[in-house]
Amino acid sequence: MCSSGWRSPRRASRQRAAWWPRGCNSSNCAGGFGPVWAGRVIEAIDGAVPVGVVGYGPEAVDQVHAIFS
């Protein structure tokens, strides 16, 4: 598994596309990445490895918004 963090989902999808040929066997998208951007990661790597998504519950909406604002 390969993991890291970015403020931009677009940058993350490009970076993950570069990782999988170097031995990553899975990818986890955390930080409220969401299904749309996870789908873009899957497309960027042509489905080469499984992509997991970690999300936040509704109780964290205001806090997550504050982080990315």
PDB file of N, CA and C in Angstrom:
ATOM      1  N   MET A   1       0.837  -1.172   0.000  1.00  0.00           N
ATOM      2  CA  MET A   1       0.000   0.000   0.000  1.00  0.00           C
ATOM      3  C   MET A   1       0.884   1.239   0.000  1.00  0.00           C
ATOM      4  N   CYS A   2       0.439   2.267  -0.695  1.00  0.00           N
ATOM      5  CA  CYS A   2       1.125   3.551  -0.706  1.00  0.00           C
ATOM      6  C   CYS A   2       0.166   4.598  -0.187  1.00  0.00           C
ATOM      7  N   SER A   3       0.676   5.500   0.615  1.00  0.00           N
ATOM      8  CA  SER A   3      -0.187   6.510   1.200  1.00  0.00           C
ATOM      9  C   SER A   3       0.573   7.817   1.357  1.00  0.00           C
ATOM     10  N   SER A   4      -0.122   8.907   1.180  1.00  0.00           N
ATOM     11  CA  SER A   4       0.421  10.232   1.402  1.00  0.00           C
ATOM     12  C   SER A   4      -0.751  11.195   1.441  1.00  0.00           C
ATOM     13  N   GLY A   5      -0.488  12.458   1.639  1.00  0.00           N
ATOM     14  CA  GLY A   5      -1.585  13.420   1.700  1.00  0.00           C
ATOM     15  C   GLY A   5      -1.332  14.630   0.825  1.00  0.00           C
ATOM     16  N   TRP A   6      -2.400  15.112   0.209  1.00  0.00           N
ATOM     17  CA  TRP A   6      -2.332  16.311  -0.616  1.00  0.00           C
ATOM     18  C   TRP A   6      -3.553  17.148  -0.348  1.00  0.00           C
ATOM     19  N   ARG A   7      -3.437  18.449  -0.556  1.00  0.00           N
ATOM     20  CA  ARG A   7      -4.594  19.337  -0.432  1.00  0.00           C
ATOM     21  C   ARG A   7      -5.446  19.313  -1.702  1.00  0.00           C
ATOM     22  N   SER A   8      -4.894  18.851  -2.810  1.00  0.00           N
ATOM     23  CA  SER A   8      -5.611  18.861  -4.072  1.00  0.00           C
ATOM     24  C   SER A   8      -5.880  17.433  -4.555  1.00  0.00           C
ATOM     25  N   PRO A   9      -7.133  17.040  -4.687  1.00  0.00           N
ATOM     26  CA  PRO A   9      -7.426  15.711  -5.229  1.00  0.00           C
ATOM     27  C   PRO A   9      -6.868  15.514  -6.631  1.00  0.00           C
ATOM     28  N   ARG A  10      -6.840  16.580  -7.425  1.00  0.00           N
ATOM     29  CA  ARG A  10      -6.294  16.472  -8.789  1.00  0.00           C
ATOM     30  C   ARG A  10      -4.821  16.068  -8.746  1.00  0.00           C
ATOM     31  N   ARG A  11      -4.067  16.708  -7.875  1.00  0.00           N
ATOM     32  CA  ARG A  11      -2.647  16.379  -7.734  1.00  0.00           C
ATOM     33  C   ARG A  11      -2.474  14.952  -7.211  1.00  0.00           C
ATOM     34  N   ALA A  12      -3.321  14.578  -6.298  1.00  0.00           N
ATOM     35  CA  ALA A  12      -3.247  13.222  -5.741  1.00  0.00           C
ATOM     36  C   ALA A  12      -3.480  12.174  -6.818  1.00  0.00           C
ATOM     37  N   SER A  13      -4.448  12.404  -7.693  1.00  0.00           N
ATOM     38  CA  SER A  13      -4.713  11.408  -8.726  1.00  0.00           C
ATOM     39  C   SER A  13      -3.548  11.293  -9.697  1.00  0.00           C
ATOM     40  N   ARG A  14      -2.904  12.414 -10.020  1.00  0.00           N
ATOM     41  CA  ARG A  14      -1.721  12.354 -10.903  1.00  0.00           C
ATOM     42  C   ARG A  14      -0.574  11.629 -10.212  1.00  0.00           C
ATOM     43  N   GLN A  15      -0.356  11.934  -8.929  1.00  0.00           N
ATOM     44  CA  GLN A  15       0.741  11.307  -8.195  1.00  0.00           C
ATOM     45  C   GLN A  15       0.526   9.806  -8.052  1.00  0.00           C
ATOM     46  N   ARG A  16      -0.686   9.416  -7.742  1.00  0.00           N
ATOM     47  CA  ARG A  16      -0.950   7.984  -7.580  1.00  0.00           C
ATOM     48  C   ARG A  16      -0.764   7.248  -8.896  1.00  0.00           C
ATOM     49  N   ALA A  17      -1.070   7.903 -10.006  1.00  0.00           N
ATOM     50  CA  ALA A  17      -0.851   7.276 -11.306  1.00  0.00           C
ATOM     51  C   ALA A  17       0.631   6.994 -11.519  1.00  0.00           C
ATOM     52  N   ALA A  18       1.496   7.818 -10.940  1.00  0.00           N
ATOM     53  CA  ALA A  18       2.942   7.606 -11.063  1.00  0.00           C
ATOM     54  C   ALA A  18       3.432   6.524 -10.103  1.00  0.00           C
ATOM     55  N   TRP A  19       2.700   6.296  -8.998  1.00  0.00           N
ATOM     56  CA  TRP A  19       3.154   5.337  -7.988  1.00  0.00           C
ATOM     57  C   TRP A  19       2.953   3.883  -8.367  1.00  0.00           C
ATOM     58  N   TRP A  20       1.818   3.550  -8.946  1.00  0.00           N
ATOM     59  CA  TRP A  20       1.497   2.126  -9.067  1.00  0.00           C
ATOM     60  C   TRP A  20       2.510   1.329  -9.874  1.00  0.00           C
ATOM     61  N   PRO A  21       3.174   1.890 -10.882  1.00  0.00           N
ATOM     62  CA  PRO A  21       4.181   1.071 -11.570  1.00  0.00           C
ATOM     63  C   PRO A  21       5.399   0.777 -10.693  1.00  0.00           C
ATOM     64  N   ARG A  22       5.550   1.501  -9.584  1.00  0.00           N
ATOM     65  CA  ARG A  22       6.719   1.315  -8.730  1.00  0.00           C
ATOM     66  C   ARG A  22       6.457   0.363  -7.575  1.00  0.00           C
ATOM     67  N   GLY A  23       5.464  -0.474  -7.680  1.00  0.00           N
ATOM     68  CA  GLY A  23       5.276  -1.517  -6.681  1.00  0.00           C
ATOM     69  C   GLY A  23       4.134  -1.328  -5.702  1.00  0.00           C
ATOM     70  N   CYS A  24       3.357  -0.278  -5.815  1.00  0.00           N
ATOM     71  CA  CYS A  24       2.206  -0.132  -4.917  1.00  0.00           C
ATOM     72  C   CYS A  24       1.158  -1.167  -5.309  1.00  0.00           C
ATOM     73  N   ASN A  25       0.612  -1.826  -4.302  1.00  0.00           N
ATOM     74  CA  ASN A  25      -0.393  -2.836  -4.612  1.00  0.00           C
ATOM     75  C   ASN A  25      -1.797  -2.422  -4.190  1.00  0.00           C
ATOM     76  N   SER A  26      -1.924  -1.246  -3.587  1.00  0.00           N
ATOM     77  CA  SER A  26      -3.232  -0.683  -3.270  1.00  0.00           C
ATOM     78  C   SER A  26      -3.051   0.791  -2.925  1.00  0.00           C
ATOM     79  N   SER A  27      -4.158   1.513  -2.890  1.00  0.00           N
ATOM     80  CA  SER A  27      -4.099   2.942  -2.574  1.00  0.00           C
ATOM     81  C   SER A  27      -5.301   3.288  -1.715  1.00  0.00           C
ATOM     82  N   ASN A  28      -5.073   4.025  -0.646  1.00  0.00           N
ATOM     83  CA  ASN A  28      -6.160   4.488   0.210  1.00  0.00           C
ATOM     84  C   ASN A  28      -6.232   6.002   0.155  1.00  0.00           C
ATOM     85  N   CYS A  29      -7.395   6.515  -0.187  1.00  0.00           N
ATOM     86  CA  CYS A  29      -7.619   7.947  -0.252  1.00  0.00           C
ATOM     87  C   CYS A  29      -8.350   8.357   1.020  1.00  0.00           C
ATOM     88  N   ALA A  30      -7.693   9.109   1.854  1.00  0.00           N
ATOM     89  CA  ALA A  30      -8.296   9.531   3.114  1.00  0.00           C
ATOM     90  C   ALA A  30      -8.596  11.025   3.077  1.00  0.00           C
ATOM     91  N   GLY A  31      -9.126  11.516   4.157  1.00  0.00           N
ATOM     92  CA  GLY A  31      -9.362  12.953   4.271  1.00  0.00           C
ATOM     93  C   GLY A  31     -10.588  13.431   3.533  1.00  0.00           C
ATOM     94  N   GLY A  32     -11.624  12.601   3.447  1.00  0.00           N
ATOM     95  CA  GLY A  32     -12.836  13.031   2.770  1.00  0.00           C
ATOM     96  C   GLY A  32     -12.672  13.122   1.269  1.00  0.00           C
ATOM     97  N   PHE A  33     -11.840  12.288   0.710  1.00  0.00           N
ATOM     98  CA  PHE A  33     -11.525  12.318  -0.713  1.00  0.00           C
ATOM     99  C   PHE A  33     -12.785  12.200  -1.562  1.00  0.00           C
ATOM    100  N   GLY A  34     -13.667  11.317  -1.206  1.00  0.00           N
ATOM    101  CA  GLY A  34     -14.947  11.179  -1.882  1.00  0.00           C
ATOM    102  C   GLY A  34     -14.917  10.257  -3.082  1.00  0.00           C
ATOM    103  N   PRO A  35     -16.094   9.760  -3.463  1.00  0.00           N
ATOM    104  CA  PRO A  35     -16.179   8.783  -4.546  1.00  0.00           C
ATOM    105  C   PRO A  35     -15.836   9.335  -5.926  1.00  0.00           C
ATOM    106  N   VAL A  36     -16.127  10.610  -6.182  1.00  0.00           N
ATOM    107  CA  VAL A  36     -15.824  11.183  -7.503  1.00  0.00           C
ATOM    108  C   VAL A  36     -14.319  11.191  -7.746  1.00  0.00           C
ATOM    109  N   TRP A  37     -13.559  11.708  -6.767  1.00  0.00           N
ATOM    110  CA  TRP A  37     -12.106  11.769  -6.941  1.00  0.00           C
ATOM    111  C   TRP A  37     -11.471  10.388  -6.845  1.00  0.00           C
ATOM    112  N   ALA A  38     -12.032   9.514  -6.051  1.00  0.00           N
ATOM    113  CA  ALA A  38     -11.526   8.134  -6.026  1.00  0.00           C
ATOM    114  C   ALA A  38     -11.696   7.515  -7.414  1.00  0.00           C
ATOM    115  N   GLY A  39     -12.817   7.788  -8.051  1.00  0.00           N
ATOM    116  CA  GLY A  39     -13.042   7.302  -9.414  1.00  0.00           C
ATOM    117  C   GLY A  39     -12.019   7.853 -10.388  1.00  0.00           C
ATOM    118  N   ARG A  40     -11.635   9.098 -10.198  1.00  0.00           N
ATOM    119  CA  ARG A  40     -10.612   9.693 -11.071  1.00  0.00           C
ATOM    120  C   ARG A  40      -9.247   9.060 -10.849  1.00  0.00           C
ATOM    121  N   VAL A  41      -8.964   8.704  -9.604  1.00  0.00           N
ATOM    122  CA  VAL A  41      -7.715   7.984  -9.333  1.00  0.00           C
ATOM    123  C   VAL A  41      -7.754   6.626 -10.032  1.00  0.00           C
ATOM    124  N   ILE A  42      -8.867   5.923  -9.899  1.00  0.00           N
ATOM    125  CA  ILE A  42      -9.005   4.611 -10.548  1.00  0.00           C
ATOM    126  C   ILE A  42      -8.815   4.747 -12.057  1.00  0.00           C
ATOM    127  N   GLU A  43      -9.401   5.770 -12.646  1.00  0.00           N
ATOM    128  CA  GLU A  43      -9.218   6.007 -14.083  1.00  0.00           C
ATOM    129  C   GLU A  43      -7.767   6.333 -14.403  1.00  0.00           C
ATOM    130  N   ALA A  44      -7.126   7.160 -13.576  1.00  0.00           N
ATOM    131  CA  ALA A  44      -5.740   7.573 -13.836  1.00  0.00           C
ATOM    132  C   ALA A  44      -4.779   6.394 -13.813  1.00  0.00           C
ATOM    133  N   ILE A  45      -5.099   5.376 -13.017  1.00  0.00           N
ATOM    134  CA  ILE A  45      -4.201   4.209 -12.939  1.00  0.00           C
ATOM    135  C   ILE A  45      -4.763   3.015 -13.710  1.00  0.00           C
ATOM    136  N   ASP A  46      -5.791   3.264 -14.504  1.00  0.00           N
ATOM    137  CA  ASP A  46      -6.429   2.212 -15.305  1.00  0.00           C
ATOM    138  C   ASP A  46      -6.839   1.010 -14.460  1.00  0.00           C
ATOM    139  N   GLY A  47      -7.282   1.270 -13.233  1.00  0.00           N
ATOM    140  CA  GLY A  47      -7.754   0.187 -12.373  1.00  0.00           C
ATOM    141  C   GLY A  47      -6.696  -0.822 -11.983  1.00  0.00           C
ATOM    142  N   ALA A  48      -5.429  -0.423 -12.049  1.00  0.00           N
ATOM    143  CA  ALA A  48      -4.325  -1.352 -11.819  1.00  0.00           C
ATOM    144  C   ALA A  48      -4.277  -1.918 -10.400  1.00  0.00           C
ATOM    145  N   VAL A  49      -4.709  -1.138  -9.412  1.00  0.00           N
ATOM    146  CA  VAL A  49      -4.712  -1.597  -8.022  1.00  0.00           C
ATOM    147  C   VAL A  49      -6.018  -1.143  -7.364  1.00  0.00           C
ATOM    148  N   PRO A  50      -6.425  -1.801  -6.280  1.00  0.00           N
ATOM    149  CA  PRO A  50      -7.630  -1.357  -5.584  1.00  0.00           C
ATOM    150  C   PRO A  50      -7.437   0.018  -4.946  1.00  0.00           C
ATOM    151  N   VAL A  51      -8.484   0.826  -4.978  1.00  0.00           N
ATOM    152  CA  VAL A  51      -8.445   2.161  -4.389  1.00  0.00           C
ATOM    153  C   VAL A  51      -9.532   2.218  -3.316  1.00  0.00           C
ATOM    154  N   GLY A  52      -9.114   2.481  -2.079  1.00  0.00           N
ATOM    155  CA  GLY A  52     -10.049   2.606  -0.968  1.00  0.00           C
ATOM    156  C   GLY A  52     -10.293   4.067  -0.636  1.00  0.00           C
ATOM    157  N   VAL A  53     -11.426   4.339   0.001  1.00  0.00           N
ATOM    158  CA  VAL A  53     -11.783   5.706   0.355  1.00  0.00           C
ATOM    159  C   VAL A  53     -12.191   5.750   1.821  1.00  0.00           C
ATOM    160  N   VAL A  54     -11.654   6.720   2.539  1.00  0.00           N
ATOM    161  CA  VAL A  54     -12.033   6.974   3.927  1.00  0.00           C
ATOM    162  C   VAL A  54     -12.783   8.292   3.943  1.00  0.00           C
ATOM    163  N   GLY A  55     -13.899   8.334   4.608  1.00  0.00           N
ATOM    164  CA  GLY A  55     -14.696   9.551   4.630  1.00  0.00           C
ATOM    165  C   GLY A  55     -14.936  10.054   6.046  1.00  0.00           C
ATOM    166  N   TYR A  56     -15.552  11.203   6.127  1.00  0.00           N
ATOM    167  CA  TYR A  56     -15.936  11.800   7.396  1.00  0.00           C
ATOM    168  C   TYR A  56     -17.448  11.759   7.521  1.00  0.00           C
ATOM    169  N   GLY A  57     -17.931  11.612   8.744  1.00  0.00           N
ATOM    170  CA  GLY A  57     -19.358  11.633   8.989  1.00  0.00           C
ATOM    171  C   GLY A  57     -19.902  13.049   8.987  1.00  0.00           C
ATOM    172  N   PRO A  58     -21.219  13.173   8.974  1.00  0.00           N
ATOM    173  CA  PRO A  58     -21.835  14.496   8.911  1.00  0.00           C
ATOM    174  C   PRO A  58     -21.478  15.393  10.098  1.00  0.00           C
ATOM    175  N   GLU A  59     -21.119  14.793  11.211  1.00  0.00           N
ATOM    176  CA  GLU A  59     -20.760  15.604  12.380  1.00  0.00           C
ATOM    177  C   GLU A  59     -19.468  16.373  12.181  1.00  0.00           C
ATOM    178  N   ALA A  60     -18.678  16.023  11.171  1.00  0.00           N
ATOM    179  CA  ALA A  60     -17.390  16.669  10.933  1.00  0.00           C
ATOM    180  C   ALA A  60     -17.416  17.681   9.790  1.00  0.00           C
ATOM    181  N   VAL A  61     -18.565  17.917   9.195  1.00  0.00           N
ATOM    182  CA  VAL A  61     -18.644  18.783   8.013  1.00  0.00           C
ATOM    183  C   VAL A  61     -18.034  20.163   8.263  1.00  0.00           C
ATOM    184  N   ASP A  62     -18.390  20.815   9.340  1.00  0.00           N
ATOM    185  CA  ASP A  62     -17.867  22.156   9.606  1.00  0.00           C
ATOM    186  C   ASP A  62     -16.359  22.146   9.823  1.00  0.00           C
ATOM    187  N   GLN A  63     -15.861  21.154  10.516  1.00  0.00           N
ATOM    188  CA  GLN A  63     -14.422  21.059  10.774  1.00  0.00           C
ATOM    189  C   GLN A  63     -13.649  20.802   9.486  1.00  0.00           C
ATOM    190  N   VAL A  64     -14.135  19.908   8.659  1.00  0.00           N
ATOM    191  CA  VAL A  64     -13.461  19.603   7.393  1.00  0.00           C
ATOM    192  C   VAL A  64     -13.507  20.826   6.484  1.00  0.00           C
ATOM    193  N   HIS A  65     -14.617  21.524   6.452  1.00  0.00           N
ATOM    194  CA  HIS A  65     -14.721  22.735   5.656  1.00  0.00           C
ATOM    195  C   HIS A  65     -13.691  23.763   6.092  1.00  0.00           C
ATOM    196  N   ALA A  66     -13.507  23.906   7.390  1.00  0.00           N
ATOM    197  CA  ALA A  66     -12.528  24.867   7.916  1.00  0.00           C
ATOM    198  C   ALA A  66     -11.104  24.513   7.488  1.00  0.00           C
ATOM    199  N   ILE A  67     -10.791  23.249   7.408  1.00  0.00           N
ATOM    200  CA  ILE A  67      -9.448  22.821   6.998  1.00  0.00           C
ATOM    201  C   ILE A  67      -9.159  23.237   5.563  1.00  0.00           C
ATOM    202  N   PHE A  68     -10.114  23.080   4.686  1.00  0.00           N
ATOM    203  CA  PHE A  68      -9.887  23.297   3.260  1.00  0.00           C
ATOM    204  C   PHE A  68     -10.318  24.675   2.764  1.00  0.00           C
ATOM    205  N   SER A  69     -10.725  25.533   3.666  1.00  0.00           N
ATOM    206  CA  SER A  69     -11.131  26.889   3.268  1.00  0.00           C
ATOM    207  C   SER A  69      -9.985  27.852   3.303  1.00  0.00           C
TER     208      SER A  69
END
